N, C-alpha and C. Protein backbone atom coordinates (compact mmCIF):
# COMPACT_ATOMS: atom_id res chain seq x y z
N UNK A 1 0.87 -1.10 -0.08
CA UNK A 1 0.10 -0.05 -0.06
C UNK A 1 0.85 1.19 -0.10
N UNK A 2 0.58 2.28 -0.89
CA UNK A 2 1.41 3.41 -0.88
C UNK A 2 0.44 4.64 -1.26
N UNK A 3 0.71 5.79 -1.22
CA UNK A 3 -0.13 6.94 -1.40
C UNK A 3 -0.41 6.89 -2.93
N UNK A 4 0.37 6.26 -3.98
CA UNK A 4 0.04 6.11 -5.42
C UNK A 4 -1.34 5.51 -5.53
N UNK A 5 -1.67 4.42 -4.56
CA UNK A 5 -2.89 3.87 -4.54
C UNK A 5 -4.04 4.38 -3.78
N UNK A 6 -3.69 5.74 -3.31
CA UNK A 6 -4.70 6.48 -2.61
C UNK A 6 -4.64 6.21 -1.14
N UNK A 7 -3.78 5.33 -0.39
CA UNK A 7 -3.46 4.97 0.65
C UNK A 7 -2.33 5.67 1.43
N UNK A 8 -2.57 6.56 2.67
CA UNK A 8 -1.56 7.41 3.11
C UNK A 8 -1.38 6.79 4.59
N UNK A 9 -0.05 6.66 4.95
CA UNK A 9 0.19 6.43 6.48
C UNK A 9 -0.11 7.66 7.14
N UNK A 10 -0.71 7.43 8.18
CA UNK A 10 -1.07 8.47 9.18
C UNK A 10 -0.45 8.68 10.42
N UNK A 11 -0.35 7.32 11.08
CA UNK A 11 0.23 7.29 12.47
C UNK A 11 0.38 5.84 12.76
N UNK A 12 1.25 5.58 13.83
CA UNK A 12 1.09 4.28 14.50
C UNK A 12 0.32 3.97 15.55
N UNK A 13 0.04 2.79 15.74
CA UNK A 13 -0.95 2.44 16.83
C UNK A 13 -0.85 3.17 18.26
N UNK A 14 0.67 3.14 18.39
CA UNK A 14 0.89 3.72 19.86
C UNK A 14 0.36 5.41 19.77
N UNK A 15 0.83 6.06 18.71
CA UNK A 15 0.44 7.32 18.74
C UNK A 15 -1.04 7.52 18.93
N UNK A 16 -1.76 6.69 18.18
CA UNK A 16 -3.32 6.92 18.15
C UNK A 16 -3.90 6.81 19.71
N UNK A 17 -3.06 6.01 20.50
CA UNK A 17 -3.56 5.93 22.06
C UNK A 17 -3.33 7.24 22.78
N UNK A 18 -2.43 8.06 22.19
CA UNK A 18 -2.23 9.38 22.84
C UNK A 18 -2.84 10.65 22.16
N UNK A 19 -3.15 10.48 20.79
CA UNK A 19 -3.48 11.68 20.05
C UNK A 19 -4.47 11.20 19.03
N UNK A 20 -5.76 11.78 18.92
CA UNK A 20 -6.71 11.33 17.90
C UNK A 20 -6.77 12.12 16.74
N UNK A 21 -6.22 13.33 16.79
CA UNK A 21 -6.20 14.14 15.47
C UNK A 21 -4.94 14.04 14.76
N UNK A 22 -5.27 13.85 13.57
CA UNK A 22 -4.20 13.91 12.39
C UNK A 22 -4.43 14.62 11.45
N UNK A 23 -3.35 15.30 10.63
CA UNK A 23 -3.39 15.97 9.40
C UNK A 23 -2.91 15.06 8.17
N UNK A 24 -3.88 14.83 7.39
CA UNK A 24 -3.63 13.87 6.28
C UNK A 24 -4.09 14.71 4.95
N UNK A 25 -3.23 14.80 3.86
CA UNK A 25 -3.36 15.31 2.66
C UNK A 25 -3.99 16.66 2.92
N UNK A 26 -3.59 17.40 3.69
CA UNK A 26 -4.04 18.99 3.92
C UNK A 26 -5.39 18.98 4.63
N UNK A 27 -5.87 17.81 5.26
CA UNK A 27 -7.19 17.82 6.11
C UNK A 27 -7.02 17.39 7.45
N UNK A 28 -7.76 17.99 8.55
CA UNK A 28 -7.75 17.53 9.68
C UNK A 28 -8.52 16.46 9.91
N UNK A 29 -8.19 15.35 10.31
CA UNK A 29 -9.18 14.08 10.52
C UNK A 29 -9.12 13.73 12.00
N UNK A 30 -10.07 12.99 12.25
CA UNK A 30 -10.17 12.31 13.56
C UNK A 30 -9.89 10.88 13.32
N UNK A 31 -9.01 10.10 14.16
CA UNK A 31 -8.86 8.69 14.19
C UNK A 31 -9.32 8.39 15.54
N UNK A 32 -10.29 7.30 15.56
CA UNK A 32 -10.95 7.10 16.72
C UNK A 32 -11.06 5.65 16.97
N UNK A 33 -10.83 5.26 18.17
CA UNK A 33 -10.97 3.61 18.57
C UNK A 33 -12.61 3.79 18.94
N UNK A 34 -13.39 2.86 18.13
CA UNK A 34 -14.69 2.66 18.22
C UNK A 34 -15.08 1.11 18.36
N UNK A 35 -15.50 0.68 19.44
CA UNK A 35 -15.90 -0.67 19.64
C UNK A 35 -15.28 -1.62 19.10
N UNK A 36 -13.70 -1.50 19.43
CA UNK A 36 -12.84 -2.40 18.87
C UNK A 36 -12.35 -2.13 17.42
N UNK A 37 -12.72 -1.25 16.86
CA UNK A 37 -12.26 -0.81 15.51
C UNK A 37 -11.68 0.53 15.36
N UNK A 38 -10.93 0.82 14.28
CA UNK A 38 -10.36 2.35 14.21
C UNK A 38 -11.25 2.87 13.08
N UNK A 39 -11.78 4.01 13.34
CA UNK A 39 -12.48 4.81 12.40
C UNK A 39 -11.86 6.12 12.13
N UNK A 40 -11.89 6.63 10.85
CA UNK A 40 -11.26 7.92 10.51
C UNK A 40 -12.42 8.64 9.89
N UNK A 41 -12.51 9.99 10.39
CA UNK A 41 -13.67 10.83 9.75
C UNK A 41 -13.16 12.12 9.74
N UNK A 42 -13.82 13.02 9.12
CA UNK A 42 -13.77 14.42 9.05
C UNK A 42 -13.81 15.08 10.60
N UNK A 43 -12.89 16.06 10.82
CA UNK A 43 -12.81 16.57 12.17
C UNK A 43 -14.03 17.71 12.24
N UNK A 44 -14.44 18.19 11.31
CA UNK A 44 -15.53 19.30 11.26
C UNK A 44 -16.88 18.55 11.07
N UNK A 45 -17.72 18.98 11.91
CA UNK A 45 -19.14 18.56 11.92
C UNK A 45 -19.69 19.14 10.46
N UNK A 46 -20.40 18.14 9.66
CA UNK A 46 -21.00 18.76 8.58
C UNK A 46 -21.97 19.79 8.57
N UNK A 47 -22.72 19.77 9.80
CA UNK A 47 -23.82 20.69 10.06
C UNK A 47 -23.25 22.28 10.05
N UNK A 48 -22.41 22.54 10.98
CA UNK A 48 -21.98 23.90 10.92
C UNK A 48 -20.39 24.04 11.44
N UNK A 49 -19.80 22.91 10.91
CA UNK A 49 -18.16 22.88 11.12
C UNK A 49 -17.61 23.08 12.58
N UNK A 50 -18.54 22.59 13.38
CA UNK A 50 -17.91 22.61 14.87
C UNK A 50 -16.87 21.47 14.98
N UNK A 51 -15.94 21.53 15.81
CA UNK A 51 -14.69 20.71 15.94
C UNK A 51 -15.33 19.56 16.86
N UNK A 52 -15.21 18.38 15.84
CA UNK A 52 -15.84 17.11 16.50
C UNK A 52 -14.72 16.60 17.55
N UNK A 53 -13.52 17.11 17.67
CA UNK A 53 -12.53 16.60 18.49
C UNK A 53 -12.94 17.01 20.01
N UNK A 54 -13.84 17.92 20.14
CA UNK A 54 -14.32 18.42 21.35
C UNK A 54 -15.57 17.54 21.76
N UNK A 55 -16.05 16.63 20.97
CA UNK A 55 -17.08 15.90 21.05
C UNK A 55 -16.96 14.69 21.78
N UNK A 56 -17.78 13.81 22.24
CA UNK A 56 -17.57 12.60 22.93
C UNK A 56 -18.12 11.49 21.98
N UNK A 57 -17.53 10.23 22.22
CA UNK A 57 -17.80 8.98 21.51
C UNK A 57 -18.40 8.18 22.56
N UNK A 58 -19.70 7.77 22.32
CA UNK A 58 -20.57 6.82 23.28
C UNK A 58 -21.26 5.97 22.35
N UNK A 59 -21.26 4.55 22.62
CA UNK A 59 -22.15 3.71 22.01
C UNK A 59 -22.10 3.75 20.59
N UNK A 60 -20.94 3.96 20.07
CA UNK A 60 -20.67 3.93 18.52
C UNK A 60 -21.15 5.13 17.92
N UNK A 61 -21.32 6.21 18.74
CA UNK A 61 -21.82 7.45 18.05
C UNK A 61 -20.78 8.41 18.50
N UNK A 62 -20.48 9.43 17.38
CA UNK A 62 -19.69 10.59 17.83
C UNK A 62 -20.81 11.82 17.98
N UNK A 63 -20.71 12.61 19.02
CA UNK A 63 -21.67 13.57 19.47
C UNK A 63 -21.14 14.86 19.23
N UNK A 64 -21.71 15.65 18.39
CA UNK A 64 -21.09 17.11 18.19
C UNK A 64 -21.06 18.02 19.37
N UNK A 65 -20.29 18.71 19.81
CA UNK A 65 -20.25 19.66 21.09
C UNK A 65 -21.40 20.83 20.81
N UNK A 66 -21.57 21.13 19.62
CA UNK A 66 -22.27 22.44 19.43
C UNK A 66 -23.77 22.18 19.53
N UNK A 67 -24.33 21.09 18.71
CA UNK A 67 -25.73 21.03 18.52
C UNK A 67 -26.21 19.65 19.00
N UNK A 68 -25.50 18.93 19.66
CA UNK A 68 -25.83 17.64 20.02
C UNK A 68 -26.16 16.69 18.95
N UNK A 69 -25.78 16.91 17.70
CA UNK A 69 -25.77 15.97 16.78
C UNK A 69 -25.09 14.80 16.98
N UNK A 70 -25.38 13.46 16.43
CA UNK A 70 -24.91 12.34 16.84
C UNK A 70 -24.89 11.62 15.50
N UNK A 71 -23.51 11.20 15.26
CA UNK A 71 -23.14 10.43 13.85
C UNK A 71 -22.74 8.98 14.15
N UNK A 72 -23.35 8.12 13.51
CA UNK A 72 -23.13 6.77 13.55
C UNK A 72 -21.86 6.55 13.14
N UNK A 73 -20.85 5.85 13.82
CA UNK A 73 -19.49 5.80 13.41
C UNK A 73 -19.16 4.48 12.55
N UNK A 74 -20.18 3.85 12.23
CA UNK A 74 -20.06 2.64 11.32
C UNK A 74 -20.39 3.17 9.78
N UNK A 75 -21.33 4.16 9.56
CA UNK A 75 -21.67 4.48 8.40
C UNK A 75 -21.65 6.09 8.17
N UNK A 76 -21.52 6.78 9.32
CA UNK A 76 -21.60 8.32 9.23
C UNK A 76 -23.10 8.93 9.13
N UNK A 77 -23.86 8.07 9.09
CA UNK A 77 -25.32 8.65 9.23
C UNK A 77 -25.53 9.43 10.50
N UNK A 78 -26.52 10.35 10.34
CA UNK A 78 -26.81 11.28 11.61
C UNK A 78 -28.03 10.30 12.26
N UNK A 79 -27.74 10.29 13.62
CA UNK A 79 -28.84 9.45 14.31
C UNK A 79 -29.73 10.36 15.45
N UNK A 80 -29.18 11.72 15.60
CA UNK A 80 -29.99 12.55 16.50
C UNK A 80 -29.41 14.00 16.18
N UNK A 81 -30.31 15.20 16.43
CA UNK A 81 -29.88 16.49 16.39
C UNK A 81 -30.42 17.08 14.91
N UNK A 82 -29.72 18.13 14.64
CA UNK A 82 -30.24 18.86 13.50
C UNK A 82 -29.97 18.25 12.06
N UNK A 83 -31.02 18.44 11.29
CA UNK A 83 -30.80 17.75 9.87
C UNK A 83 -29.36 18.18 9.37
N UNK A 84 -28.63 17.12 8.96
CA UNK A 84 -27.26 17.31 8.43
C UNK A 84 -27.08 16.34 7.38
N UNK A 85 -26.02 16.53 6.55
CA UNK A 85 -25.48 15.70 5.67
C UNK A 85 -24.68 14.58 6.63
N UNK A 86 -24.50 13.38 6.10
CA UNK A 86 -23.75 12.36 6.96
C UNK A 86 -22.14 12.90 7.00
N UNK A 87 -21.81 12.35 8.19
CA UNK A 87 -20.28 12.57 8.39
C UNK A 87 -19.40 11.73 7.58
N UNK A 88 -18.53 12.48 6.96
CA UNK A 88 -17.62 11.61 6.05
C UNK A 88 -16.76 10.69 6.66
N UNK A 89 -16.79 9.51 6.32
CA UNK A 89 -15.57 8.52 6.91
C UNK A 89 -14.70 7.87 5.90
N UNK A 90 -13.59 7.70 6.11
CA UNK A 90 -12.37 7.32 5.43
C UNK A 90 -12.12 5.71 5.63
N UNK A 91 -11.90 4.99 4.48
CA UNK A 91 -11.53 3.51 4.87
C UNK A 91 -10.12 3.49 5.70
N UNK A 92 -10.05 2.55 6.46
CA UNK A 92 -8.80 2.42 7.31
C UNK A 92 -8.27 0.92 7.16
N UNK A 93 -6.94 0.91 7.12
CA UNK A 93 -6.32 -0.44 7.35
C UNK A 93 -5.15 -0.16 8.20
N UNK A 94 -4.65 -1.32 8.80
CA UNK A 94 -3.61 -1.51 9.52
C UNK A 94 -2.69 -2.38 9.01
N UNK A 95 -1.34 -2.08 8.88
CA UNK A 95 -0.19 -2.91 8.32
C UNK A 95 1.02 -2.79 9.42
N UNK A 96 1.15 -3.96 10.25
CA UNK A 96 1.98 -3.89 11.33
C UNK A 96 1.50 -3.16 12.26
N UNK A 97 2.36 -2.13 12.67
CA UNK A 97 1.89 -1.06 13.74
C UNK A 97 1.43 0.18 12.98
N UNK A 98 1.34 0.36 11.66
CA UNK A 98 1.09 1.48 10.99
C UNK A 98 -0.45 1.71 10.58
N UNK A 99 -1.11 2.72 10.86
CA UNK A 99 -2.53 2.80 10.45
C UNK A 99 -2.49 3.67 9.09
N UNK A 100 -3.30 3.18 8.06
CA UNK A 100 -3.21 3.84 6.85
C UNK A 100 -4.82 4.27 6.41
N UNK A 101 -4.81 5.40 5.90
CA UNK A 101 -6.19 5.79 5.32
C UNK A 101 -6.35 6.09 4.12
N UNK A 102 -7.34 5.71 3.40
CA UNK A 102 -7.55 5.89 1.85
C UNK A 102 -8.16 7.32 1.67
N UNK A 103 -7.25 8.06 1.02
CA UNK A 103 -7.92 9.49 0.76
C UNK A 103 -8.46 9.74 -0.69
N UNK A 104 -8.41 8.53 -1.37
CA UNK A 104 -9.02 8.73 -2.84
C UNK A 104 -10.35 8.67 -2.81
N UNK A 105 -10.95 9.60 -3.75
CA UNK A 105 -12.38 9.71 -3.74
C UNK A 105 -13.00 8.57 -4.55
N UNK A 106 -14.08 8.10 -3.94
CA UNK A 106 -14.70 6.81 -4.47
C UNK A 106 -16.08 7.39 -5.13
N UNK A 107 -16.36 6.49 -6.15
CA UNK A 107 -17.59 6.88 -7.07
C UNK A 107 -18.77 6.17 -6.15
N UNK A 108 -19.93 6.58 -6.27
CA UNK A 108 -21.00 6.06 -5.57
C UNK A 108 -21.12 4.50 -6.18
N UNK A 109 -21.45 3.77 -5.15
CA UNK A 109 -21.62 2.41 -5.58
C UNK A 109 -20.49 1.36 -5.62
N UNK A 110 -19.17 2.14 -5.44
CA UNK A 110 -17.94 1.40 -5.55
C UNK A 110 -17.57 0.91 -4.02
């Protein structure tokens, strides 16, 4: 895997335990432990761009600190709060101790 294929190394597993915010390809992303899985998502809430790094994760949902919007961390759908587009999630892989995020745009249905 390499950036030519759209996959970019972002941090190792030890760093994830200490720091959840990473900058990848010019974007601030959150990398979150969620129910035994690693999830990568946009740092800004799609409703009004609130900093989701200030929110909380409970029961598989990321809660926006501004309007109590709640996003499912399995698919990004909004589960509570103001009407909003879904939270953008990025595919994640682990190779050894390295976390990789796919930044390549995907076509719907792929």
